[in-house]
Amino acid sequence: REELIAWYNRNGYVATGAREPFPASDVHIPITNQPLEFIVME
């Protein structure tokens, strides 16, 4: 979500370098071939 990350950057949030796995569930169903993970911002 590069455009969203850029918006948070403009609002003072920075990436910490930490990553978290995207949760596998029956609610959030990936429909892309891109690997999904979370970046941590603060």
PDB file of all heavy atoms in Angstrom:
ATOM      1  N   ARG A   1       0.839  -1.204   0.000  1.00  0.00           N
ATOM      2  CA  ARG A   1       0.000   0.000   0.000  1.00  0.00           C
ATOM      3  C   ARG A   1       0.876   1.257   0.000  1.00  0.00           C
ATOM      4  O   ARG A   1       0.856   2.066   0.926  1.00  0.00           O
ATOM      5  CB  ARG A   1      -0.926   0.009   1.226  1.00  0.00           C
ATOM      6  CG  ARG A   1      -1.801  -1.224   1.398  1.00  0.00           C
ATOM      7  CD  ARG A   1      -2.917  -1.338   0.389  1.00  0.00           C
ATOM      8  NE  ARG A   1      -3.645  -0.098   0.192  1.00  0.00           N
ATOM      9  CZ  ARG A   1      -4.557   0.400   1.013  1.00  0.00           C
ATOM     10  NH1 ARG A   1      -4.887  -0.243   2.114  1.00  0.00           N
ATOM     11  NH2 ARG A   1      -5.159   1.529   0.732  1.00  0.00           N
ATOM     12  N   GLU A   2       1.656   1.423  -1.061  1.00  0.00           N
ATOM     13  CA  GLU A   2       2.660   2.493  -1.119  1.00  0.00           C
ATOM     14  C   GLU A   2       2.065   3.891  -0.963  1.00  0.00           C
ATOM     15  O   GLU A   2       2.644   4.741  -0.291  1.00  0.00           O
ATOM     16  CB  GLU A   2       3.463   2.391  -2.418  1.00  0.00           C
ATOM     17  CG  GLU A   2       4.318   1.135  -2.460  1.00  0.00           C
ATOM     18  CD  GLU A   2       4.984   0.901  -3.802  1.00  0.00           C
ATOM     19  OE1 GLU A   2       4.995   1.813  -4.645  1.00  0.00           O
ATOM     20  OE2 GLU A   2       5.488  -0.221  -3.993  1.00  0.00           O
ATOM     21  N   GLU A   3       0.891   4.145  -1.574  1.00  0.00           N
ATOM     22  CA  GLU A   3       0.285   5.469  -1.476  1.00  0.00           C
ATOM     23  C   GLU A   3      -0.158   5.771  -0.045  1.00  0.00           C
ATOM     24  O   GLU A   3      -0.067   6.903   0.424  1.00  0.00           O
ATOM     25  CB  GLU A   3      -0.884   5.615  -2.458  1.00  0.00           C
ATOM     26  CG  GLU A   3      -2.148   4.841  -2.117  1.00  0.00           C
ATOM     27  CD  GLU A   3      -2.072   3.305  -2.190  1.00  0.00           C
ATOM     28  OE1 GLU A   3      -1.128   2.747  -2.806  1.00  0.00           O
ATOM     29  OE2 GLU A   3      -2.959   2.651  -1.621  1.00  0.00           O
ATOM     30  N   LEU A   4      -0.594   4.744   0.675  1.00  0.00           N
ATOM     31  CA  LEU A   4      -1.008   4.915   2.063  1.00  0.00           C
ATOM     32  C   LEU A   4       0.209   5.133   2.959  1.00  0.00           C
ATOM     33  O   LEU A   4       0.190   6.002   3.843  1.00  0.00           O
ATOM     34  CB  LEU A   4      -1.804   3.683   2.509  1.00  0.00           C
ATOM     35  CG  LEU A   4      -2.593   3.801   3.791  1.00  0.00           C
ATOM     36  CD1 LEU A   4      -3.568   4.975   3.752  1.00  0.00           C
ATOM     37  CD2 LEU A   4      -3.355   2.501   4.047  1.00  0.00           C
ATOM     38  N   ILE A   5       1.261   4.379   2.729  1.00  0.00           N
ATOM     39  CA  ILE A   5       2.504   4.557   3.484  1.00  0.00           C
ATOM     40  C   ILE A   5       3.027   5.980   3.282  1.00  0.00           C
ATOM     41  O   ILE A   5       3.423   6.646   4.245  1.00  0.00           O
ATOM     42  CB  ILE A   5       3.549   3.495   3.075  1.00  0.00           C
ATOM     43  CG1 ILE A   5       3.059   2.104   3.514  1.00  0.00           C
ATOM     44  CG2 ILE A   5       4.928   3.820   3.638  1.00  0.00           C
ATOM     45  CD1 ILE A   5       3.800   0.935   2.883  1.00  0.00           C
ATOM     46  N   ALA A   6       2.980   6.466   2.048  1.00  0.00           N
ATOM     47  CA  ALA A   6       3.433   7.840   1.760  1.00  0.00           C
ATOM     48  C   ALA A   6       2.571   8.863   2.506  1.00  0.00           C
ATOM     49  O   ALA A   6       3.090   9.868   3.023  1.00  0.00           O
ATOM     50  CB  ALA A   6       3.404   8.108   0.258  1.00  0.00           C
ATOM     51  N   TRP A   7       1.261   8.642   2.598  1.00  0.00           N
ATOM     52  CA  TRP A   7       0.362   9.555   3.315  1.00  0.00           C
ATOM     53  C   TRP A   7       0.720   9.581   4.798  1.00  0.00           C
ATOM     54  O   TRP A   7       0.805  10.647   5.404  1.00  0.00           O
ATOM     55  CB  TRP A   7      -1.097   9.128   3.105  1.00  0.00           C
ATOM     56  CG  TRP A   7      -2.083  10.083   3.717  1.00  0.00           C
ATOM     57  CD1 TRP A   7      -2.538  11.255   3.183  1.00  0.00           C
ATOM     58  CD2 TRP A   7      -2.742   9.943   4.986  1.00  0.00           C
ATOM     59  NE1 TRP A   7      -3.433  11.848   4.046  1.00  0.00           N
ATOM     60  CE2 TRP A   7      -3.576  11.065   5.155  1.00  0.00           C
ATOM     61  CE3 TRP A   7      -2.698   8.984   5.993  1.00  0.00           C
ATOM     62  CZ2 TRP A   7      -4.364  11.254   6.294  1.00  0.00           C
ATOM     63  CZ3 TRP A   7      -3.484   9.169   7.128  1.00  0.00           C
ATOM     64  CH2 TRP A   7      -4.303  10.291   7.271  1.00  0.00           C
ATOM     65  N   TYR A   8       0.960   8.402   5.387  1.00  0.00           N
ATOM     66  CA  TYR A   8       1.363   8.365   6.800  1.00  0.00           C
ATOM     67  C   TYR A   8       2.715   9.051   6.989  1.00  0.00           C
ATOM     68  O   TYR A   8       2.915   9.755   7.980  1.00  0.00           O
ATOM     69  CB  TYR A   8       1.390   6.923   7.329  1.00  0.00           C
ATOM     70  CG  TYR A   8       0.015   6.380   7.644  1.00  0.00           C
ATOM     71  CD1 TYR A   8      -0.471   5.255   7.000  1.00  0.00           C
ATOM     72  CD2 TYR A   8      -0.799   6.995   8.589  1.00  0.00           C
ATOM     73  CE1 TYR A   8      -1.738   4.754   7.280  1.00  0.00           C
ATOM     74  CE2 TYR A   8      -2.059   6.504   8.875  1.00  0.00           C
ATOM     75  CZ  TYR A   8      -2.523   5.381   8.224  1.00  0.00           C
ATOM     76  OH  TYR A   8      -3.774   4.894   8.506  1.00  0.00           O
ATOM     77  N   ASN A   9       3.648   8.869   6.062  1.00  0.00           N
ATOM     78  CA  ASN A   9       4.938   9.575   6.130  1.00  0.00           C
ATOM     79  C   ASN A   9       4.706  11.087   6.185  1.00  0.00           C
ATOM     80  O   ASN A   9       5.335  11.781   6.998  1.00  0.00           O
ATOM     81  CB  ASN A   9       5.826   9.261   4.922  1.00  0.00           C
ATOM     82  CG  ASN A   9       6.465   7.881   4.970  1.00  0.00           C
ATOM     83  OD1 ASN A   9       6.745   7.281   3.926  1.00  0.00           O
ATOM     84  ND2 ASN A   9       6.719   7.363   6.154  1.00  0.00           N
ATOM     85  N   ARG A  10       3.839  11.590   5.321  1.00  0.00           N
ATOM     86  CA  ARG A  10       3.553  13.032   5.293  1.00  0.00           C
ATOM     87  C   ARG A  10       2.925  13.511   6.602  1.00  0.00           C
ATOM     88  O   ARG A  10       2.981  14.693   6.920  1.00  0.00           O
ATOM     89  CB  ARG A  10       2.633  13.381   4.121  1.00  0.00           C
ATOM     90  CG  ARG A  10       3.307  13.248   2.762  1.00  0.00           C
ATOM     91  CD  ARG A  10       2.496  13.866   1.634  1.00  0.00           C
ATOM     92  NE  ARG A  10       1.173  13.295   1.456  1.00  0.00           N
ATOM     93  CZ  ARG A  10       0.886  12.213   0.742  1.00  0.00           C
ATOM     94  NH1 ARG A  10       1.857  11.537   0.128  1.00  0.00           N
ATOM     95  NH2 ARG A  10      -0.365  11.784   0.624  1.00  0.00           N
ATOM     96  N   ASN A  11       2.346  12.589   7.359  1.00  0.00           N
ATOM     97  CA  ASN A  11       1.728  12.933   8.631  1.00  0.00           C
ATOM     98  C   ASN A  11       2.608  12.575   9.832  1.00  0.00           C
ATOM     99  O   ASN A  11       2.128  12.492  10.959  1.00  0.00           O
ATOM    100  CB  ASN A  11       0.344  12.287   8.737  1.00  0.00           C
ATOM    101  CG  ASN A  11      -0.667  13.023   7.884  1.00  0.00           C
ATOM    102  OD1 ASN A  11      -1.147  14.085   8.271  1.00  0.00           O
ATOM    103  ND2 ASN A  11      -0.967  12.496   6.703  1.00  0.00           N
ATOM    104  N   GLY A  12       3.912  12.373   9.557  1.00  0.00           N
ATOM    105  CA  GLY A  12       4.877  12.212  10.646  1.00  0.00           C
ATOM    106  C   GLY A  12       5.188  10.798  11.067  1.00  0.00           C
ATOM    107  O   GLY A  12       5.955  10.592  12.010  1.00  0.00           O
ATOM    108  N   TYR A  13       4.626   9.803  10.396  1.00  0.00           N
ATOM    109  CA  TYR A  13       4.902   8.409  10.743  1.00  0.00           C
ATOM    110  C   TYR A  13       6.077   7.900   9.923  1.00  0.00           C
ATOM    111  O   TYR A  13       6.229   8.261   8.759  1.00  0.00           O
ATOM    112  CB  TYR A  13       3.665   7.532  10.487  1.00  0.00           C
ATOM    113  CG  TYR A  13       2.576   7.800  11.498  1.00  0.00           C
ATOM    114  CD1 TYR A  13       1.737   8.906  11.362  1.00  0.00           C
ATOM    115  CD2 TYR A  13       2.408   6.989  12.603  1.00  0.00           C
ATOM    116  CE1 TYR A  13       0.752   9.184  12.308  1.00  0.00           C
ATOM    117  CE2 TYR A  13       1.431   7.261  13.549  1.00  0.00           C
ATOM    118  CZ  TYR A  13       0.609   8.359  13.387  1.00  0.00           C
ATOM    119  OH  TYR A  13      -0.345   8.636  14.325  1.00  0.00           O
ATOM    120  N   VAL A  14       6.911   7.079  10.551  1.00  0.00           N
ATOM    121  CA  VAL A  14       8.074   6.519   9.860  1.00  0.00           C
ATOM    122  C   VAL A  14       8.079   5.002  10.013  1.00  0.00           C
ATOM    123  O   VAL A  14       7.641   4.470  11.034  1.00  0.00           O
ATOM    124  CB  VAL A  14       9.406   7.106  10.400  1.00  0.00           C
ATOM    125  CG1 VAL A  14       9.498   8.591  10.105  1.00  0.00           C
ATOM    126  CG2 VAL A  14       9.565   6.857  11.886  1.00  0.00           C
ATOM    127  N   ALA A  15       8.586   4.343   8.990  1.00  0.00           N
ATOM    128  CA  ALA A  15       8.723   2.883   9.049  1.00  0.00           C
ATOM    129  C   ALA A  15       9.821   2.544  10.047  1.00  0.00           C
ATOM    130  O   ALA A  15      10.873   3.183  10.068  1.00  0.00           O
ATOM    131  CB  ALA A  15       9.055   2.331   7.672  1.00  0.00           C
ATOM    132  N   THR A  16       9.567   1.550  10.893  1.00  0.00           N
ATOM    133  CA  THR A  16      10.550   1.158  11.909  1.00  0.00           C
ATOM    134  C   THR A  16      11.552   0.146  11.365  1.00  0.00           C
ATOM    135  O   THR A  16      12.567  -0.106  11.987  1.00  0.00           O
ATOM    136  CB  THR A  16       9.851   0.514  13.124  1.00  0.00           C
ATOM    137  OG1 THR A  16       9.234  -0.710  12.691  1.00  0.00           O
ATOM    138  CG2 THR A  16       8.827   1.450  13.726  1.00  0.00           C
ATOM    139  N   GLY A  17      11.219  -0.454  10.218  1.00  0.00           N
ATOM    140  CA  GLY A  17      12.040  -1.540   9.677  1.00  0.00           C
ATOM    141  C   GLY A  17      11.500  -2.904  10.065  1.00  0.00           C
ATOM    142  O   GLY A  17      11.861  -3.910   9.473  1.00  0.00           O
ATOM    143  N   ALA A  18      10.601  -2.929  11.063  1.00  0.00           N
ATOM    144  CA  ALA A  18      10.000  -4.194  11.491  1.00  0.00           C
ATOM    145  C   ALA A  18       8.910  -4.610  10.509  1.00  0.00           C
ATOM    146  O   ALA A  18       8.254  -3.768   9.894  1.00  0.00           O
ATOM    147  CB  ALA A  18       9.422  -4.055  12.897  1.00  0.00           C
ATOM    148  N   ARG A  19       8.752  -5.912  10.355  1.00  0.00           N
ATOM    149  CA  ARG A  19       7.716  -6.484   9.488  1.00  0.00           C
ATOM    150  C   ARG A  19       6.937  -7.516  10.294  1.00  0.00           C
ATOM    151  O   ARG A  19       7.482  -8.148  11.195  1.00  0.00           O
ATOM    152  CB  ARG A  19       8.348  -7.180   8.280  1.00  0.00           C
ATOM    153  CG  ARG A  19       9.236  -6.289   7.434  1.00  0.00           C
ATOM    154  CD  ARG A  19       8.467  -5.674   6.330  1.00  0.00           C
ATOM    155  NE  ARG A  19       9.270  -4.752   5.529  1.00  0.00           N
ATOM    156  CZ  ARG A  19       8.929  -4.378   4.325  1.00  0.00           C
ATOM    157  NH1 ARG A  19       7.843  -4.859   3.763  1.00  0.00           N
ATOM    158  NH2 ARG A  19       9.654  -3.519   3.660  1.00  0.00           N
ATOM    159  N   GLU A  20       5.675  -7.683   9.930  1.00  0.00           N
ATOM    160  CA  GLU A  20       4.846  -8.708  10.562  1.00  0.00           C
ATOM    161  C   GLU A  20       4.138  -9.495   9.464  1.00  0.00           C
ATOM    162  O   GLU A  20       3.765  -8.920   8.438  1.00  0.00           O
ATOM    163  CB  GLU A  20       3.806  -8.072  11.486  1.00  0.00           C
ATOM    164  CG  GLU A  20       4.417  -7.394  12.701  1.00  0.00           C
ATOM    165  CD  GLU A  20       3.375  -6.770  13.622  1.00  0.00           C
ATOM    166  OE1 GLU A  20       2.162  -6.936  13.370  1.00  0.00           O
ATOM    167  OE2 GLU A  20       3.787  -6.110  14.581  1.00  0.00           O
ATOM    168  N   PRO A  21       3.930 -10.797   9.673  1.00  0.00           N
ATOM    169  CA  PRO A  21       3.244 -11.590   8.650  1.00  0.00           C
ATOM    170  C   PRO A  21       1.785 -11.162   8.509  1.00  0.00           C
ATOM    171  O   PRO A  21       1.162 -10.732   9.483  1.00  0.00           O
ATOM    172  CB  PRO A  21       3.353 -13.024   9.172  1.00  0.00           C
ATOM    173  CG  PRO A  21       3.611 -12.896  10.633  1.00  0.00           C
ATOM    174  CD  PRO A  21       4.306 -11.583  10.848  1.00  0.00           C
ATOM    175  N   PHE A  22       1.264 -11.269   7.301  1.00  0.00           N
ATOM    176  CA  PHE A  22      -0.148 -10.992   7.074  1.00  0.00           C
ATOM    177  C   PHE A  22      -0.929 -12.198   7.581  1.00  0.00           C
ATOM    178  O   PHE A  22      -0.584 -13.333   7.268  1.00  0.00           O
ATOM    179  CB  PHE A  22      -0.425 -10.753   5.585  1.00  0.00           C
ATOM    180  CG  PHE A  22      -1.801 -10.223   5.331  1.00  0.00           C
ATOM    181  CD1 PHE A  22      -2.072  -8.872   5.501  1.00  0.00           C
ATOM    182  CD2 PHE A  22      -2.826 -11.071   4.959  1.00  0.00           C
ATOM    183  CE1 PHE A  22      -3.357  -8.380   5.289  1.00  0.00           C
ATOM    184  CE2 PHE A  22      -4.114 -10.586   4.741  1.00  0.00           C
ATOM    185  CZ  PHE A  22      -4.368  -9.234   4.915  1.00  0.00           C
ATOM    186  N   PRO A  23      -1.978 -11.981   8.378  1.00  0.00           N
ATOM    187  CA  PRO A  23      -2.682 -13.125   8.976  1.00  0.00           C
ATOM    188  C   PRO A  23      -3.480 -13.918   7.950  1.00  0.00           C
ATOM    189  O   PRO A  23      -4.185 -13.346   7.111  1.00  0.00           O
ATOM    190  CB  PRO A  23      -3.625 -12.455   9.988  1.00  0.00           C
ATOM    191  CG  PRO A  23      -3.869 -11.090   9.437  1.00  0.00           C
ATOM    192  CD  PRO A  23      -2.580 -10.702   8.739  1.00  0.00           C
ATOM    193  N   ALA A  24      -3.357 -15.216   8.027  1.00  0.00           N
ATOM    194  CA  ALA A  24      -4.196 -16.089   7.192  1.00  0.00           C
ATOM    195  C   ALA A  24      -5.525 -16.236   7.922  1.00  0.00           C
ATOM    196  O   ALA A  24      -5.552 -16.565   9.099  1.00  0.00           O
ATOM    197  CB  ALA A  24      -3.521 -17.447   7.029  1.00  0.00           C
ATOM    198  N   SER A  25      -6.618 -15.928   7.237  1.00  0.00           N
ATOM    199  CA  SER A  25      -7.924 -16.085   7.874  1.00  0.00           C
ATOM    200  C   SER A  25      -8.985 -16.227   6.800  1.00  0.00           C
ATOM    201  O   SER A  25      -8.740 -16.021   5.615  1.00  0.00           O
ATOM    202  CB  SER A  25      -8.236 -14.884   8.773  1.00  0.00           C
ATOM    203  OG  SER A  25      -8.659 -13.784   8.010  1.00  0.00           O
ATOM    204  N   ASP A  26     -10.196 -16.544   7.245  1.00  0.00           N
ATOM    205  CA  ASP A  26     -11.301 -16.654   6.307  1.00  0.00           C
ATOM    206  C   ASP A  26     -12.003 -15.309   6.125  1.00  0.00           C
ATOM    207  O   ASP A  26     -12.991 -15.204   5.425  1.00  0.00           O
ATOM    208  CB  ASP A  26     -12.290 -17.733   6.750  1.00  0.00           C
ATOM    209  CG  ASP A  26     -12.793 -17.508   8.158  1.00  0.00           C
ATOM    210  OD1 ASP A  26     -12.345 -16.547   8.816  1.00  0.00           O
ATOM    211  OD2 ASP A  26     -13.636 -18.293   8.612  1.00  0.00           O
ATOM    212  N   VAL A  27     -11.491 -14.272   6.769  1.00  0.00           N
ATOM    213  CA  VAL A  27     -12.074 -12.935   6.657  1.00  0.00           C
ATOM    214  C   VAL A  27     -11.296 -12.120   5.620  1.00  0.00           C
ATOM    215  O   VAL A  27     -11.868 -11.569   4.692  1.00  0.00           O
ATOM    216  CB  VAL A  27     -12.073 -12.206   8.019  1.00  0.00           C
ATOM    217  CG1 VAL A  27     -12.635 -10.805   7.868  1.00  0.00           C
ATOM    218  CG2 VAL A  27     -12.889 -12.995   9.032  1.00  0.00           C
ATOM    219  N   HIS A  28      -9.984 -12.054   5.778  1.00  0.00           N
ATOM    220  CA  HIS A  28      -9.132 -11.287   4.871  1.00  0.00           C
ATOM    221  C   HIS A  28      -8.573 -12.244   3.813  1.00  0.00           C
ATOM    222  O   HIS A  28      -7.621 -12.970   4.074  1.00  0.00           O
ATOM    223  CB  HIS A  28      -7.986 -10.621   5.635  1.00  0.00           C
ATOM    224  CG  HIS A  28      -8.442  -9.866   6.844  1.00  0.00           C
ATOM    225  ND1 HIS A  28      -9.206  -8.735   6.770  1.00  0.00           N
ATOM    226  CD2 HIS A  28      -8.238 -10.082   8.159  1.00  0.00           C
ATOM    227  CE1 HIS A  28      -9.458  -8.288   7.983  1.00  0.00           C
ATOM    228  NE2 HIS A  28      -8.885  -9.096   8.845  1.00  0.00           N
ATOM    229  N   ILE A  29      -9.166 -12.231   2.626  1.00  0.00           N
ATOM    230  CA  ILE A  29      -8.825 -13.217   1.599  1.00  0.00           C
ATOM    231  C   ILE A  29      -7.999 -12.549   0.499  1.00  0.00           C
ATOM    232  O   ILE A  29      -8.517 -11.732  -0.257  1.00  0.00           O
ATOM    233  CB  ILE A  29     -10.107 -13.834   1.003  1.00  0.00           C
ATOM    234  CG1 ILE A  29     -10.979 -14.432   2.129  1.00  0.00           C
ATOM    235  CG2 ILE A  29      -9.770 -14.865  -0.057  1.00  0.00           C
ATOM    236  CD1 ILE A  29     -12.417 -14.675   1.738  1.00  0.00           C
ATOM    237  N   PRO A  30      -6.683 -12.850   0.423  1.00  0.00           N
ATOM    238  CA  PRO A  30      -5.854 -12.248  -0.620  1.00  0.00           C
ATOM    239  C   PRO A  30      -6.316 -12.653  -2.017  1.00  0.00           C
ATOM    240  O   PRO A  30      -6.662 -13.810  -2.255  1.00  0.00           O
ATOM    241  CB  PRO A  30      -4.452 -12.795  -0.334  1.00  0.00           C
ATOM    242  CG  PRO A  30      -4.483 -13.219   1.097  1.00  0.00           C
ATOM    243  CD  PRO A  30      -5.899 -13.683   1.333  1.00  0.00           C
ATOM    244  N   ILE A  31      -6.335 -11.684  -2.942  1.00  0.00           N
ATOM    245  CA  ILE A  31      -6.679 -11.964  -4.339  1.00  0.00           C
ATOM    246  C   ILE A  31      -5.584 -11.431  -5.262  1.00  0.00           C
ATOM    247  O   ILE A  31      -5.825 -11.086  -6.405  1.00  0.00           O
ATOM    248  CB  ILE A  31      -8.053 -11.365  -4.721  1.00  0.00           C
ATOM    249  CG1 ILE A  31      -8.109  -9.870  -4.427  1.00  0.00           C
ATOM    250  CG2 ILE A  31      -9.177 -12.114  -4.033  1.00  0.00           C
ATOM    251  CD1 ILE A  31      -9.342  -9.170  -4.984  1.00  0.00           C
ATOM    252  N   THR A  32      -4.382 -11.366  -4.737  1.00  0.00           N
ATOM    253  CA  THR A  32      -3.248 -10.891  -5.509  1.00  0.00           C
ATOM    254  C   THR A  32      -2.132 -11.914  -5.406  1.00  0.00           C
ATOM    255  O   THR A  32      -2.075 -12.683  -4.450  1.00  0.00           O
ATOM    256  CB  THR A  32      -2.761  -9.520  -4.991  1.00  0.00           C
ATOM    257  OG1 THR A  32      -1.619  -9.115  -5.741  1.00  0.00           O
ATOM    258  CG2 THR A  32      -2.370  -9.570  -3.519  1.00  0.00           C
ATOM    259  N   ASN A  33      -1.251 -11.910  -6.392  1.00  0.00           N
ATOM    260  CA  ASN A  33      -0.089 -12.798  -6.325  1.00  0.00           C
ATOM    261  C   ASN A  33       1.053 -12.164  -5.541  1.00  0.00           C
ATOM    262  O   ASN A  33       2.033 -12.835  -5.241  1.00  0.00           O
ATOM    263  CB  ASN A  33       0.378 -13.156  -7.741  1.00  0.00           C
ATOM    264  CG  ASN A  33      -0.639 -14.033  -8.453  1.00  0.00           C
ATOM    265  OD1 ASN A  33      -1.325 -14.831  -7.817  1.00  0.00           O
ATOM    266  ND2 ASN A  33      -0.742 -13.877  -9.757  1.00  0.00           N
ATOM    267  N   GLN A  34       0.920 -10.875  -5.229  1.00  0.00           N
ATOM    268  CA  GLN A  34       1.963 -10.211  -4.454  1.00  0.00           C
ATOM    269  C   GLN A  34       1.970 -10.772  -3.037  1.00  0.00           C
ATOM    270  O   GLN A  34       0.914 -10.957  -2.444  1.00  0.00           O
ATOM    271  CB  GLN A  34       1.699  -8.703  -4.374  1.00  0.00           C
ATOM    272  CG  GLN A  34       1.771  -7.971  -5.688  1.00  0.00           C
ATOM    273  CD  GLN A  34       1.354  -6.523  -5.514  1.00  0.00           C
ATOM    274  OE1 GLN A  34       0.180  -6.218  -5.437  1.00  0.00           O
ATOM    275  NE2 GLN A  34       2.338  -5.646  -5.438  1.00  0.00           N
ATOM    276  N   PRO A  35       3.168 -11.045  -2.491  1.00  0.00           N
ATOM    277  CA  PRO A  35       3.204 -11.487  -1.100  1.00  0.00           C
ATOM    278  C   PRO A  35       2.790 -10.317  -0.190  1.00  0.00           C
ATOM    279  O   PRO A  35       3.229  -9.190  -0.389  1.00  0.00           O
ATOM    280  CB  PRO A  35       4.674 -11.872  -0.876  1.00  0.00           C
ATOM    281  CG  PRO A  35       5.434 -11.208  -1.971  1.00  0.00           C
ATOM    282  CD  PRO A  35       4.494 -10.976  -3.102  1.00  0.00           C
ATOM    283  N   LEU A  36       1.903 -10.607   0.766  1.00  0.00           N
ATOM    284  CA  LEU A  36       1.418  -9.566   1.660  1.00  0.00           C
ATOM    285  C   LEU A  36       2.055  -9.711   3.031  1.00  0.00           C
ATOM    286  O   LEU A  36       2.134 -10.799   3.579  1.00  0.00           O
ATOM    287  CB  LEU A  36      -0.104  -9.643   1.797  1.00  0.00           C
ATOM    288  CG  LEU A  36      -0.915  -9.463   0.510  1.00  0.00           C
ATOM    289  CD1 LEU A  36      -2.405  -9.571   0.814  1.00  0.00           C
ATOM    290  CD2 LEU A  36      -0.587  -8.151  -0.178  1.00  0.00           C
ATOM    291  N   GLU A  37       2.514  -8.581   3.550  1.00  0.00           N
ATOM    292  CA  GLU A  37       3.008  -8.518   4.917  1.00  0.00           C
ATOM    293  C   GLU A  37       2.762  -7.101   5.410  1.00  0.00           C
ATOM    294  O   GLU A  37       2.451  -6.200   4.633  1.00  0.00           O
ATOM    295  CB  GLU A  37       4.497  -8.883   5.004  1.00  0.00           C
ATOM    296  CG  GLU A  37       5.413  -7.913   4.286  1.00  0.00           C
ATOM    297  CD  GLU A  37       6.883  -8.292   4.402  1.00  0.00           C
ATOM    298  OE1 GLU A  37       7.236  -9.147   5.208  1.00  0.00           O
ATOM    299  OE2 GLU A  37       7.686  -7.697   3.681  1.00  0.00           O
ATOM    300  N   PHE A  38       2.881  -6.919   6.711  1.00  0.00           N
ATOM    301  CA  PHE A  38       2.704  -5.598   7.298  1.00  0.00           C
ATOM    302  C   PHE A  38       4.061  -4.959   7.549  1.00  0.00           C
ATOM    303  O   PHE A  38       4.997  -5.641   7.965  1.00  0.00           O
ATOM    304  CB  PHE A  38       1.987  -5.696   8.656  1.00  0.00           C
ATOM    305  CG  PHE A  38       0.537  -6.038   8.546  1.00  0.00           C
ATOM    306  CD1 PHE A  38       0.071  -7.239   9.061  1.00  0.00           C
ATOM    307  CD2 PHE A  38      -0.374  -5.161   7.988  1.00  0.00           C
ATOM    308  CE1 PHE A  38      -1.275  -7.557   8.994  1.00  0.00           C
ATOM    309  CE2 PHE A  38      -1.721  -5.474   7.919  1.00  0.00           C
ATOM    310  CZ  PHE A  38      -2.185  -6.675   8.428  1.00  0.00           C
ATOM    311  N   ILE A  39       4.148  -3.657   7.314  1.00  0.00           N
ATOM    312  CA  ILE A  39       5.291  -2.910   7.813  1.00  0.00           C
ATOM    313  C   ILE A  39       4.806  -2.175   9.061  1.00  0.00           C
ATOM    314  O   ILE A  39       3.626  -1.820   9.169  1.00  0.00           O
ATOM    315  CB  ILE A  39       5.904  -1.928   6.787  1.00  0.00           C
ATOM    316  CG1 ILE A  39       4.942  -0.791   6.486  1.00  0.00           C
ATOM    317  CG2 ILE A  39       6.327  -2.632   5.523  1.00  0.00           C
ATOM    318  CD1 ILE A  39       5.643   0.385   5.830  1.00  0.00           C
ATOM    319  N   VAL A  40       5.697  -2.022  10.008  1.00  0.00           N
ATOM    320  CA  VAL A  40       5.365  -1.324  11.253  1.00  0.00           C
ATOM    321  C   VAL A  40       5.827   0.124  11.118  1.00  0.00           C
ATOM    322  O   VAL A  40       6.966   0.381  10.733  1.00  0.00           O
ATOM    323  CB  VAL A  40       6.036  -2.004  12.468  1.00  0.00           C
ATOM    324  CG1 VAL A  40       5.706  -1.262  13.750  1.00  0.00           C
ATOM    325  CG2 VAL A  40       5.616  -3.477  12.558  1.00  0.00           C
ATOM    326  N   MET A  41       4.898   1.043  11.423  1.00  0.00           N
ATOM    327  CA  MET A  41       5.207   2.467  11.370  1.00  0.00           C
ATOM    328  C   MET A  41       4.953   3.055  12.754  1.00  0.00           C
ATOM    329  O   MET A  41       4.148   2.519  13.523  1.00  0.00           O
ATOM    330  CB  MET A  41       4.344   3.182  10.326  1.00  0.00           C
ATOM    331  CG  MET A  41       4.539   2.658   8.921  1.00  0.00           C
ATOM    332  SD  MET A  41       3.622   3.594   7.682  1.00  0.00           S
ATOM    333  CE  MET A  41       4.700   5.039   7.506  1.00  0.00           C
ATOM    334  N   GLU A  42       5.630   4.157  13.061  1.00  0.00           N
ATOM    335  CA  GLU A  42       5.428   4.793  14.353  1.00  0.00           C
ATOM    336  C   GLU A  42       5.606   6.293  14.268  1.00  0.00           C
ATOM    337  O   GLU A  42       6.241   6.811  13.331  1.00  0.00           O
ATOM    338  CB  GLU A  42       6.366   4.222  15.410  1.00  0.00           C
ATOM    339  CG  GLU A  42       7.819   4.605  15.237  1.00  0.00           C
ATOM    340  CD  GLU A  42       8.718   4.059  16.337  1.00  0.00           C
ATOM    341  OE1 GLU A  42       8.394   3.029  16.957  1.00  0.00           O
ATOM    342  OE2 GLU A  42       9.766   4.668  16.569  1.00  0.00           O
TER     343      GLU A  42
END
